[in-house]
Structure formats: C-alpha cells, structure tokens
Protein backbone atom coordinates (compact mmCIF):
# COMPACT_ATOMS: atom_id res chain seq x y z
CA MET A 1 -18.74 56.80 6.23
CA ASN A 2 -16.71 56.74 2.99
CA ARG A 3 -13.39 54.98 2.48
CA SER A 4 -11.35 58.14 2.98
CA SER A 5 -12.92 58.83 6.38
CA LYS A 6 -12.29 55.21 7.41
CA VAL A 7 -8.60 55.63 6.60
CA ILE A 8 -8.43 58.84 8.65
CA THR A 9 -10.23 57.20 11.59
CA THR A 10 -7.90 54.20 11.48
CA GLY A 11 -4.88 56.50 11.38
CA LEU A 12 -6.06 58.53 14.36
CA VAL A 13 -6.71 55.39 16.39
CA PHE A 14 -3.21 54.15 15.53
CA ILE A 15 -1.64 57.49 16.61
CA VAL A 16 -3.56 57.59 19.89
CA THR A 17 -2.75 53.94 20.65
CA THR A 18 0.95 54.50 19.94
CA PHE A 19 1.01 57.65 22.09
CA LEU A 20 -0.72 55.98 25.05
CA SER A 21 1.55 52.95 24.89
CA LEU A 22 4.57 55.26 25.18
CA VAL A 23 3.39 57.64 27.89
CA SER A 24 1.64 55.01 30.03
CA THR A 25 4.84 53.04 30.66
CA PRO A 26 5.89 53.80 34.25
CA LYS A 27 9.35 55.28 34.64
CA SER A 28 10.08 52.89 37.49
CA SER A 29 9.96 49.87 35.18
CA ALA A 30 12.53 51.45 32.82
CA ALA A 31 12.73 48.10 30.99
CA ILE A 32 15.69 46.88 33.09
CA LEU A 33 18.46 49.47 32.81
CA GLU A 34 21.97 48.47 31.78
CA PHE A 35 25.13 50.28 32.84
CA ASN A 36 28.24 50.29 30.66
CA LEU A 37 31.72 51.74 31.02
CA ASP A 38 33.26 53.07 27.81
CA VAL A 39 37.02 53.69 27.96
CA PRO A 40 39.21 54.52 24.94
CA ASN A 41 41.24 51.53 23.67
CA ILE A 42 39.21 49.14 25.89
CA PRO A 43 36.11 47.17 24.78
CA THR A 44 32.94 48.51 26.39
CA GLY A 45 32.02 46.54 29.52
CA ARG A 46 28.76 45.94 31.36
CA LEU A 47 28.64 46.95 35.02
CA LEU A 48 26.83 45.47 37.98
CA SER A 49 26.87 48.73 39.95
CA ALA A 50 28.12 52.31 39.80
CA ASP A 51 28.42 54.74 42.70
CA GLY A 52 30.35 57.82 43.78
CA ALA A 53 31.41 60.71 41.51
CA ASP A 54 30.06 63.23 44.04
CA VAL A 55 30.75 66.94 43.71
CA ILE A 56 32.44 68.65 46.67
CA ILE A 57 32.84 72.44 46.58
CA GLU A 58 35.20 73.79 49.20
CA THR A 59 34.50 77.16 50.80
CA VAL A 60 36.89 80.09 51.04
CA GLU A 61 36.47 82.30 54.12
CA PHE A 62 37.30 85.99 54.16
CA ARG A 63 36.54 89.14 56.14
CA ASP A 64 35.22 92.36 54.73
CA ALA A 65 37.04 95.46 55.95
CA SER A 66 33.71 97.26 56.35
CA ASP A 67 32.53 94.61 58.85
CA PRO A 68 35.50 92.57 60.19
CA ASN A 69 33.37 90.69 62.72
CA VAL A 70 31.48 88.80 59.98
CA VAL A 71 33.12 85.85 58.27
CA ARG A 72 32.00 85.66 54.64
CA ILE A 73 32.37 82.71 52.30
CA LEU A 74 32.88 82.10 48.60
CA PRO A 75 32.90 78.88 46.55
CA GLY A 76 36.45 77.58 46.19
CA VAL A 77 38.11 74.48 44.77
CA VAL A 78 35.78 71.91 43.20
CA ARG A 79 36.65 68.26 43.81
CA TYR A 80 35.06 65.03 42.59
CA THR A 81 35.03 61.79 44.56
CA PRO A 82 36.11 58.63 42.69
CA LEU A 83 33.63 56.66 40.62
CA VAL A 84 33.22 53.15 42.10
CA VAL A 85 32.05 50.37 39.77
CA THR A 86 31.79 46.59 39.96
CA TYR A 87 31.58 44.10 37.10
CA ASN A 88 31.49 40.37 36.42
CA ARG A 89 34.62 39.17 34.65
CA ASP A 90 33.18 35.82 33.52
CA GLN A 91 29.81 37.00 32.20
CA ASP A 92 30.83 36.32 28.58
CA ARG A 93 33.75 36.65 26.18
CA ALA A 94 33.20 40.39 25.71
CA GLN A 95 33.42 40.90 29.47
CA ARG A 96 36.71 39.01 29.61
CA ARG A 97 38.14 41.29 26.91
CA PHE A 98 36.89 44.28 28.91
CA HIS A 99 38.58 42.88 32.02
CA GLU A 100 41.86 42.39 30.15
CA GLY A 101 41.75 46.01 28.98
CA ILE A 102 41.04 47.27 32.50
CA THR A 103 43.91 45.19 33.88
CA GLU A 104 46.31 46.69 31.33
CA TRP A 105 45.07 50.17 32.21
CA VAL A 106 45.65 49.52 35.92
CA ASP A 107 49.17 48.19 35.21
CA ASP A 108 49.89 51.29 33.13
CA ALA A 109 48.71 53.60 35.94
CA ARG A 110 50.76 51.66 38.48
CA SER A 111 54.01 51.89 36.54
CA ASN A 112 53.50 55.11 34.60
CA SER A 113 52.62 58.48 36.13
CA THR A 114 52.49 60.45 32.86
CA PHE A 115 49.43 62.20 31.44
CA SER A 116 48.91 59.35 28.95
CA THR A 117 47.37 57.26 31.74
CA ARG A 118 44.40 59.62 31.98
CA ARG A 119 41.50 58.88 29.64
CA ASN A 120 38.17 60.56 28.90
CA ALA A 121 35.81 57.70 29.72
CA ALA A 122 32.00 57.55 29.88
CA LEU A 123 29.43 55.88 32.11
CA ILE A 124 26.43 55.00 29.90
CA THR A 125 22.92 54.10 31.06
CA SER A 126 20.87 52.24 28.44
CA ALA A 127 17.49 50.57 28.18
CA GLN A 128 17.29 46.82 27.62
CA ASN A 129 16.81 47.40 23.88
CA GLY A 130 20.12 49.28 23.70
CA THR A 131 18.68 52.81 23.60
CA GLU A 132 21.03 55.21 25.37
CA LEU A 133 19.23 57.12 28.13
CA GLU A 134 22.02 58.95 29.92
CA ARG A 135 25.76 59.48 29.51
CA VAL A 136 28.17 60.72 32.14
CA ASP A 137 31.39 61.93 30.50
CA LEU A 138 34.33 61.39 32.86
CA SER A 139 37.15 63.86 32.26
CA HIS A 140 40.75 62.61 32.56
CA ALA A 141 39.91 59.49 34.55
CA PHE A 142 42.43 56.88 35.70
CA PRO A 143 42.28 53.86 38.04
CA ILE A 144 43.32 54.30 41.67
CA TYR A 145 41.91 51.09 43.19
CA PHE A 146 41.37 47.64 41.68
CA ASN A 147 40.45 44.53 43.63
CA PRO A 148 38.66 41.22 43.05
CA VAL A 149 35.61 40.95 45.28
CA THR A 150 35.42 37.63 47.14
CA PRO A 151 32.93 35.59 45.07
CA ASP A 152 29.94 33.79 46.48
CA LEU A 153 30.50 30.04 46.51
CA ALA A 154 27.20 29.64 44.66
CA THR A 155 28.53 31.57 41.63
CA GLY A 156 31.17 28.95 40.84
CA THR A 157 33.98 30.41 38.73
CA GLN A 158 32.47 33.87 38.34
CA ARG A 159 34.71 36.63 39.61
CA LEU A 160 33.47 40.09 40.54
CA TYR A 161 35.85 43.04 40.42
CA GLU A 162 35.70 46.49 42.00
CA LEU A 163 37.28 49.45 40.22
CA HIS A 164 37.72 53.02 41.47
CA LEU A 165 38.37 55.81 38.98
CA ALA A 166 39.68 59.25 39.91
CA LEU A 167 38.42 62.06 37.69
CA GLU A 168 38.91 65.78 37.22
CA ASN A 169 35.38 66.58 36.15
CA PHE A 170 32.21 65.05 34.70
CA ARG A 171 29.26 66.13 32.56
CA VAL A 172 25.84 64.45 32.48
CA THR A 173 23.91 64.26 29.20
CA THR A 174 20.32 63.00 29.34
CA VAL A 175 18.34 61.99 26.26
CA PRO A 176 15.06 64.03 26.19
CA GLU A 177 12.03 61.89 27.01
CA SER A 178 9.99 63.67 24.34
CA SER A 179 12.17 62.23 21.57
CA SER A 180 10.64 58.79 22.11
CA ILE A 181 7.16 60.23 21.43
CA ILE A 182 7.86 62.73 18.64
CA LEU A 183 9.36 60.24 16.17
CA PRO A 184 6.42 57.77 16.18
CA ALA A 185 3.98 60.69 15.91
CA VAL A 186 5.80 62.06 12.85
CA ILE A 187 5.81 58.63 11.20
CA CYS A 188 2.07 58.23 11.85
CA ALA A 189 1.33 61.70 10.46
CA LEU A 190 3.24 60.96 7.24
CA TRP A 191 1.46 57.62 6.86
CA LEU A 192 -1.93 59.29 7.39
CA ARG A 193 -1.19 62.01 4.83
CA ARG A 194 -0.09 59.52 2.18
CA SER A 195 -3.14 57.29 2.78
CA SER A 196 -5.54 60.24 2.55
CA ARG A 197 -4.10 61.31 -0.80
CA ARG A 198 -4.29 57.75 -2.13
CA HIS A 199 -8.01 57.36 -1.29
CA SER A 200 -9.22 60.91 -1.95
C-alpha cells in the first residue's frame, strides 16, 4: 500500500467514524434540551417548562337545501390557547434582567390596552451546546397571567414564576436533522481531496 492509498484509507475511516458518531446518538438523549423565551426589548430568558399553545378549530354547521335533514360542517374560527411557561428568577444575573423585562411587560399590559403591548415573541428549543433545534414564532403575544409560584423551602431564596401568554397565531420551524451530518461530510471530503492531491 503506497502513501496515497494510506491517506485515502485514513480519510474514509475518519468519515465513517464521524458519520456513525452522529447518527448513533439516540434522539431521546438530546444532550439536555434548553428552552428559552425571546421577546423584543427583553433579554432572552431560560425556562423551566413550557406548555399550552394548542390549536382549536371551531366548526360551522349548515344545511344543504338538497338534503335538509343532514347537518354539514365546515372549519370555522381558529383559536390558540395561551402559552404557559415557568422560569427561575434567581438562576443568575441574566435571569434577573429577564424577569425585570417580563415584569415591565406585564405592567404595560395591565395599564395599556393598545396594540403596542403585543409582541412577536419566540419559544426556542436548543441543545446544550447552544445549537437551535426548534423555534416557535408567537404572533402578537401579550401577558394575561403572571404569578410567583410558592417556592420549595429547600430552594432558599429562589423564586419560580408562572407566565401565561395569549397569542393570535404561531409557526413552528424545525432545523433539519440532516444538516448536522452534511456539514461534517463536506469538510471530510474537502480534506480528503486536498490530501490526495498533496501525496499523488
């Protein structure tokens, strides 16, 4: 085996090892997911939980003149249940700034009923390394419920807060899983091509 073939063999082993290390990671582990709430004019905050934002499509009943004994239905008004999130106020300094921004937003919604209270926020799911996995864009959201959750005595001074956001609509954007495999494969292919030319 000459030197050029050794380089090619080494490159192929590297590509296969990289590919297997990516695809063999179980989805369930997901490297500890993090949930963040991004609101304009408020520092991004980390969440402990996120729930709600269900889609409810009301039905419209009507009768057809050709068969008045049959009640027919059509999709009607679309409604979205509030998004319910909880967060730790005292997790770090960034969380306290997030809490201050949320508090100001709640005060603004309580005393001001204009359209300026509504904001296009986003619920972001990220991996532990900061890679964004999914984004839920919340259209024209505003707070409708805000309450400190009674803390566990074992947590000391930590305060947990519950926030409900009303929204007009939402859109989910998921990062394709294939993107995490394609980029390393392209890098390996370029490295292999350059090494082959160097030793040919």
